[in-house]
Amino acid sequence: MLTGLSILLSSKLGRDSFKTGETISIEHANNSFLPSYLGYFFVVLSVGNWETLVFVYSVLFVFTFLSQALYFNPLFLLFGFEFYNITTKNGAAIFLISRQLYKTPADIEISAAYRINNYTFIERG
Protein backbone atom coordinates (compact mmCIF):
# COMPACT_ATOMS: atom_id res chain seq x y z
CA MET A 1 0.00 0.00 0.00
CA LEU A 2 2.84 2.39 0.82
CA THR A 3 4.46 1.80 -2.56
CA GLY A 4 1.18 2.64 -4.33
CA LEU A 5 0.85 5.76 -2.17
CA SER A 6 4.39 6.83 -3.03
CA ILE A 7 3.58 6.49 -6.75
CA LEU A 8 0.49 8.68 -6.32
CA LEU A 9 2.40 11.30 -4.33
CA SER A 10 5.20 11.45 -6.91
CA SER A 11 3.09 13.92 -8.91
CA LYS A 12 3.85 16.50 -6.19
CA LEU A 13 7.61 16.36 -6.93
CA GLY A 14 9.48 18.82 -9.14
CA ARG A 15 9.22 18.26 -12.90
CA ASP A 16 11.92 17.89 -15.51
CA SER A 17 11.91 16.73 -19.10
CA PHE A 18 14.22 14.80 -21.38
CA LYS A 19 14.28 15.75 -25.05
CA THR A 20 15.28 13.54 -27.95
CA GLY A 21 19.05 13.54 -28.37
CA GLU A 22 19.87 14.41 -24.73
CA THR A 23 20.56 10.78 -23.83
CA ILE A 24 23.67 9.03 -25.10
CA SER A 25 23.33 5.64 -23.39
CA ILE A 26 20.70 3.54 -21.64
CA GLU A 27 21.02 0.35 -19.63
CA HIS A 28 18.28 -1.77 -18.10
CA ALA A 29 18.88 -1.80 -14.33
CA ASN A 30 16.38 -4.39 -13.04
CA ASN A 31 18.82 -7.26 -12.77
CA SER A 32 21.61 -5.33 -11.09
CA PHE A 33 19.71 -4.58 -7.87
CA LEU A 34 17.68 -7.74 -7.29
CA PRO A 35 20.54 -9.70 -5.64
CA SER A 36 20.76 -7.06 -2.90
CA TYR A 37 17.09 -7.41 -2.07
CA LEU A 38 17.23 -11.21 -2.23
CA GLY A 39 19.99 -10.96 0.38
CA TYR A 40 17.58 -9.13 2.72
CA PHE A 41 15.04 -11.91 2.20
CA PHE A 42 17.55 -14.55 3.28
CA VAL A 43 18.43 -12.50 6.36
CA VAL A 44 14.76 -12.67 7.37
CA LEU A 45 14.80 -16.44 7.09
CA SER A 46 17.68 -16.72 9.55
CA VAL A 47 16.38 -14.26 12.20
CA GLY A 48 14.98 -16.02 15.24
CA ASN A 49 12.91 -13.27 16.86
CA TRP A 50 11.03 -10.06 16.02
CA GLU A 51 13.30 -7.74 18.00
CA THR A 52 16.36 -8.72 15.98
CA LEU A 53 14.39 -8.50 12.74
CA VAL A 54 13.18 -4.97 13.53
CA PHE A 55 16.69 -3.89 14.54
CA VAL A 56 18.33 -5.29 11.38
CA TYR A 57 15.77 -3.74 9.04
CA SER A 58 15.86 -0.43 10.92
CA VAL A 59 19.62 -0.22 10.45
CA LEU A 60 19.30 -1.17 6.76
CA PHE A 61 16.56 1.43 6.29
CA VAL A 62 18.63 4.20 7.90
CA PHE A 63 21.70 3.44 5.78
CA THR A 64 19.66 3.18 2.58
CA PHE A 65 17.72 6.37 3.30
CA LEU A 66 20.78 8.41 4.26
CA SER A 67 22.77 7.31 1.23
CA GLN A 68 19.95 8.45 -1.10
CA ALA A 69 21.90 6.93 -3.95
CA LEU A 70 19.01 5.08 -5.61
CA TYR A 71 15.36 4.47 -4.93
CA PHE A 72 15.05 0.93 -6.22
CA ASN A 73 11.94 -0.65 -4.77
CA PRO A 74 11.29 -4.18 -6.06
CA LEU A 75 7.55 -3.68 -5.47
CA PHE A 76 7.56 -1.13 -8.31
CA LEU A 77 8.02 -4.16 -10.59
CA LEU A 78 4.54 -5.32 -9.55
CA PHE A 79 3.17 -1.91 -10.59
CA GLY A 80 4.71 -2.35 -14.05
CA PHE A 81 7.74 -0.08 -13.66
CA GLU A 82 11.13 -0.65 -15.27
CA PHE A 83 14.46 0.71 -14.02
CA TYR A 84 17.09 2.32 -16.25
CA ASN A 85 20.55 3.78 -15.84
CA ILE A 86 20.88 6.52 -18.43
CA THR A 87 23.72 8.87 -19.30
CA THR A 88 23.01 12.31 -20.72
CA LYS A 89 25.13 14.12 -23.30
CA ASN A 90 26.33 16.34 -20.42
CA GLY A 91 27.80 13.24 -18.73
CA ALA A 92 25.22 12.98 -15.92
CA ALA A 93 24.36 9.45 -14.80
CA ILE A 94 20.64 9.25 -14.00
CA PHE A 95 18.46 6.50 -12.55
CA LEU A 96 15.05 6.48 -14.28
CA ILE A 97 11.96 4.65 -13.03
CA SER A 98 9.41 4.32 -15.83
CA ARG A 99 6.55 2.21 -17.14
CA GLN A 100 7.82 2.74 -20.67
CA LEU A 101 10.04 0.19 -22.39
CA TYR A 102 13.13 1.98 -23.70
CA LYS A 103 15.68 0.15 -25.82
CA THR A 104 17.83 2.85 -27.39
CA PRO A 105 18.83 6.37 -26.32
CA ALA A 106 16.89 7.77 -29.29
CA ASP A 107 13.67 6.33 -27.79
CA ILE A 108 13.88 8.62 -24.76
CA GLU A 109 11.65 11.65 -25.01
CA ILE A 110 9.95 12.41 -21.70
CA SER A 111 7.75 15.46 -21.24
CA ALA A 112 7.30 15.03 -17.47
CA ALA A 113 9.79 13.18 -15.27
CA TYR A 114 9.40 13.80 -11.55
CA ARG A 115 12.63 14.48 -9.65
CA ILE A 116 13.07 12.29 -6.56
CA ASN A 117 16.61 13.59 -6.03
CA ASN A 118 19.22 15.11 -8.35
CA TYR A 119 19.98 11.77 -10.02
CA THR A 120 16.74 9.81 -9.67
CA PHE A 121 13.56 10.44 -11.69
CA ILE A 122 10.20 8.72 -12.02
CA GLU A 123 8.09 8.84 -15.17
CA ARG A 124 4.51 8.07 -14.24
CA GLY A 125 2.97 7.96 -17.73
C-alpha atoms as a PDB file:
ATOM      1  CA  MET A   1       0.000   0.000   0.000  1.00  0.00           C
ATOM      2  CA  LEU A   2       2.844   2.390   0.821  1.00  0.00           C
ATOM      3  CA  THR A   3       4.456   1.803  -2.564  1.00  0.00           C
ATOM      4  CA  GLY A   4       1.179   2.643  -4.327  1.00  0.00           C
ATOM      5  CA  LEU A   5       0.848   5.764  -2.170  1.00  0.00           C
ATOM      6  CA  SER A   6       4.392   6.833  -3.033  1.00  0.00           C
ATOM      7  CA  ILE A   7       3.581   6.493  -6.750  1.00  0.00           C
ATOM      8  CA  LEU A   8       0.486   8.676  -6.323  1.00  0.00           C
ATOM      9  CA  LEU A   9       2.398  11.300  -4.331  1.00  0.00           C
ATOM     10  CA  SER A  10       5.200  11.450  -6.907  1.00  0.00           C
ATOM     11  CA  SER A  11       3.093  13.916  -8.905  1.00  0.00           C
ATOM     12  CA  LYS A  12       3.855  16.500  -6.192  1.00  0.00           C
ATOM     13  CA  LEU A  13       7.609  16.365  -6.930  1.00  0.00           C
ATOM     14  CA  GLY A  14       9.476  18.822  -9.143  1.00  0.00           C
ATOM     15  CA  ARG A  15       9.224  18.259 -12.898  1.00  0.00           C
ATOM     16  CA  ASP A  16      11.916  17.892 -15.506  1.00  0.00           C
ATOM     17  CA  SER A  17      11.908  16.734 -19.098  1.00  0.00           C
ATOM     18  CA  PHE A  18      14.219  14.800 -21.381  1.00  0.00           C
ATOM     19  CA  LYS A  19      14.282  15.749 -25.048  1.00  0.00           C
ATOM     20  CA  THR A  20      15.282  13.542 -27.952  1.00  0.00           C
ATOM     21  CA  GLY A  21      19.053  13.542 -28.367  1.00  0.00           C
ATOM     22  CA  GLU A  22      19.870  14.407 -24.732  1.00  0.00           C
ATOM     23  CA  THR A  23      20.562  10.776 -23.831  1.00  0.00           C
ATOM     24  CA  ILE A  24      23.674   9.026 -25.101  1.00  0.00           C
ATOM     25  CA  SER A  25      23.327   5.637 -23.388  1.00  0.00           C
ATOM     26  CA  ILE A  26      20.704   3.542 -21.636  1.00  0.00           C
ATOM     27  CA  GLU A  27      21.022   0.355 -19.628  1.00  0.00           C
ATOM     28  CA  HIS A  28      18.276  -1.766 -18.096  1.00  0.00           C
ATOM     29  CA  ALA A  29      18.881  -1.797 -14.326  1.00  0.00           C
ATOM     30  CA  ASN A  30      16.378  -4.393 -13.038  1.00  0.00           C
ATOM     31  CA  ASN A  31      18.823  -7.258 -12.767  1.00  0.00           C
ATOM     32  CA  SER A  32      21.615  -5.329 -11.090  1.00  0.00           C
ATOM     33  CA  PHE A  33      19.713  -4.575  -7.865  1.00  0.00           C
ATOM     34  CA  LEU A  34      17.681  -7.737  -7.287  1.00  0.00           C
ATOM     35  CA  PRO A  35      20.544  -9.700  -5.644  1.00  0.00           C
ATOM     36  CA  SER A  36      20.763  -7.064  -2.905  1.00  0.00           C
ATOM     37  CA  TYR A  37      17.089  -7.413  -2.072  1.00  0.00           C
ATOM     38  CA  LEU A  38      17.229 -11.208  -2.230  1.00  0.00           C
ATOM     39  CA  GLY A  39      19.994 -10.960   0.384  1.00  0.00           C
ATOM     40  CA  TYR A  40      17.582  -9.126   2.719  1.00  0.00           C
ATOM     41  CA  PHE A  41      15.041 -11.909   2.200  1.00  0.00           C
ATOM     42  CA  PHE A  42      17.549 -14.547   3.275  1.00  0.00           C
ATOM     43  CA  VAL A  43      18.434 -12.498   6.362  1.00  0.00           C
ATOM     44  CA  VAL A  44      14.759 -12.667   7.373  1.00  0.00           C
ATOM     45  CA  LEU A  45      14.798 -16.442   7.088  1.00  0.00           C
ATOM     46  CA  SER A  46      17.677 -16.715   9.549  1.00  0.00           C
ATOM     47  CA  VAL A  47      16.383 -14.265  12.203  1.00  0.00           C
ATOM     48  CA  GLY A  48      14.977 -16.024  15.241  1.00  0.00           C
ATOM     49  CA  ASN A  49      12.908 -13.273  16.856  1.00  0.00           C
ATOM     50  CA  TRP A  50      11.026 -10.065  16.024  1.00  0.00           C
ATOM     51  CA  GLU A  51      13.297  -7.741  17.998  1.00  0.00           C
ATOM     52  CA  THR A  52      16.358  -8.720  15.978  1.00  0.00           C
ATOM     53  CA  LEU A  53      14.386  -8.503  12.744  1.00  0.00           C
ATOM     54  CA  VAL A  54      13.177  -4.973  13.535  1.00  0.00           C
ATOM     55  CA  PHE A  55      16.685  -3.894  14.540  1.00  0.00           C
ATOM     56  CA  VAL A  56      18.327  -5.285  11.381  1.00  0.00           C
ATOM     57  CA  TYR A  57      15.768  -3.739   9.043  1.00  0.00           C
ATOM     58  CA  SER A  58      15.862  -0.428  10.922  1.00  0.00           C
ATOM     59  CA  VAL A  59      19.624  -0.219  10.452  1.00  0.00           C
ATOM     60  CA  LEU A  60      19.301  -1.167   6.763  1.00  0.00           C
ATOM     61  CA  PHE A  61      16.558   1.429   6.286  1.00  0.00           C
ATOM     62  CA  VAL A  62      18.627   4.196   7.897  1.00  0.00           C
ATOM     63  CA  PHE A  63      21.705   3.437   5.783  1.00  0.00           C
ATOM     64  CA  THR A  64      19.662   3.180   2.579  1.00  0.00           C
ATOM     65  CA  PHE A  65      17.722   6.371   3.301  1.00  0.00           C
ATOM     66  CA  LEU A  66      20.778   8.411   4.262  1.00  0.00           C
ATOM     67  CA  SER A  67      22.767   7.314   1.225  1.00  0.00           C
ATOM     68  CA  GLN A  68      19.952   8.445  -1.101  1.00  0.00           C
ATOM     69  CA  ALA A  69      21.896   6.928  -3.952  1.00  0.00           C
ATOM     70  CA  LEU A  70      19.007   5.076  -5.612  1.00  0.00           C
ATOM     71  CA  TYR A  71      15.362   4.465  -4.933  1.00  0.00           C
ATOM     72  CA  PHE A  72      15.054   0.934  -6.221  1.00  0.00           C
ATOM     73  CA  ASN A  73      11.936  -0.654  -4.775  1.00  0.00           C
ATOM     74  CA  PRO A  74      11.287  -4.178  -6.065  1.00  0.00           C
ATOM     75  CA  LEU A  75       7.546  -3.684  -5.472  1.00  0.00           C
ATOM     76  CA  PHE A  76       7.565  -1.134  -8.309  1.00  0.00           C
ATOM     77  CA  LEU A  77       8.015  -4.158 -10.589  1.00  0.00           C
ATOM     78  CA  LEU A  78       4.536  -5.321  -9.545  1.00  0.00           C
ATOM     79  CA  PHE A  79       3.170  -1.911 -10.586  1.00  0.00           C
ATOM     80  CA  GLY A  80       4.714  -2.349 -14.050  1.00  0.00           C
ATOM     81  CA  PHE A  81       7.743  -0.082 -13.665  1.00  0.00           C
ATOM     82  CA  GLU A  82      11.127  -0.646 -15.270  1.00  0.00           C
ATOM     83  CA  PHE A  83      14.461   0.710 -14.024  1.00  0.00           C
ATOM     84  CA  TYR A  84      17.086   2.316 -16.247  1.00  0.00           C
ATOM     85  CA  ASN A  85      20.552   3.783 -15.842  1.00  0.00           C
ATOM     86  CA  ILE A  86      20.883   6.516 -18.431  1.00  0.00           C
ATOM     87  CA  THR A  87      23.723   8.868 -19.305  1.00  0.00           C
ATOM     88  CA  THR A  88      23.012  12.306 -20.715  1.00  0.00           C
ATOM     89  CA  LYS A  89      25.125  14.120 -23.296  1.00  0.00           C
ATOM     90  CA  ASN A  90      26.331  16.338 -20.416  1.00  0.00           C
ATOM     91  CA  GLY A  91      27.800  13.238 -18.727  1.00  0.00           C
ATOM     92  CA  ALA A  92      25.220  12.978 -15.919  1.00  0.00           C
ATOM     93  CA  ALA A  93      24.357   9.445 -14.803  1.00  0.00           C
ATOM     94  CA  ILE A  94      20.639   9.245 -14.005  1.00  0.00           C
ATOM     95  CA  PHE A  95      18.464   6.502 -12.554  1.00  0.00           C
ATOM     96  CA  LEU A  96      15.051   6.481 -14.279  1.00  0.00           C
ATOM     97  CA  ILE A  97      11.965   4.653 -13.026  1.00  0.00           C
ATOM     98  CA  SER A  98       9.409   4.323 -15.830  1.00  0.00           C
ATOM     99  CA  ARG A  99       6.554   2.207 -17.139  1.00  0.00           C
ATOM    100  CA  GLN A 100       7.819   2.742 -20.671  1.00  0.00           C
ATOM    101  CA  LEU A 101      10.042   0.194 -22.390  1.00  0.00           C
ATOM    102  CA  TYR A 102      13.133   1.975 -23.698  1.00  0.00           C
ATOM    103  CA  LYS A 103      15.682   0.152 -25.825  1.00  0.00           C
ATOM    104  CA  THR A 104      17.834   2.853 -27.393  1.00  0.00           C
ATOM    105  CA  PRO A 105      18.830   6.373 -26.324  1.00  0.00           C
ATOM    106  CA  ALA A 106      16.893   7.770 -29.289  1.00  0.00           C
ATOM    107  CA  ASP A 107      13.666   6.335 -27.793  1.00  0.00           C
ATOM    108  CA  ILE A 108      13.875   8.616 -24.762  1.00  0.00           C
ATOM    109  CA  GLU A 109      11.650  11.654 -25.010  1.00  0.00           C
ATOM    110  CA  ILE A 110       9.952  12.410 -21.704  1.00  0.00           C
ATOM    111  CA  SER A 111       7.749  15.462 -21.245  1.00  0.00           C
ATOM    112  CA  ALA A 112       7.299  15.028 -17.474  1.00  0.00           C
ATOM    113  CA  ALA A 113       9.787  13.177 -15.273  1.00  0.00           C
ATOM    114  CA  TYR A 114       9.404  13.800 -11.551  1.00  0.00           C
ATOM    115  CA  ARG A 115      12.627  14.475  -9.653  1.00  0.00           C
ATOM    116  CA  ILE A 116      13.071  12.288  -6.555  1.00  0.00           C
ATOM    117  CA  ASN A 117      16.607  13.585  -6.031  1.00  0.00           C
ATOM    118  CA  ASN A 118      19.220  15.106  -8.354  1.00  0.00           C
ATOM    119  CA  TYR A 119      19.981  11.771 -10.019  1.00  0.00           C
ATOM    120  CA  THR A 120      16.737   9.814  -9.668  1.00  0.00           C
ATOM    121  CA  PHE A 121      13.564  10.442 -11.691  1.00  0.00           C
ATOM    122  CA  ILE A 122      10.204   8.719 -12.021  1.00  0.00           C
ATOM    123  CA  GLU A 123       8.092   8.839 -15.170  1.00  0.00           C
ATOM    124  CA  ARG A 124       4.511   8.072 -14.243  1.00  0.00           C
ATOM    125  CA  GLY A 125       2.970   7.962 -17.732  1.00  0.00           C
END
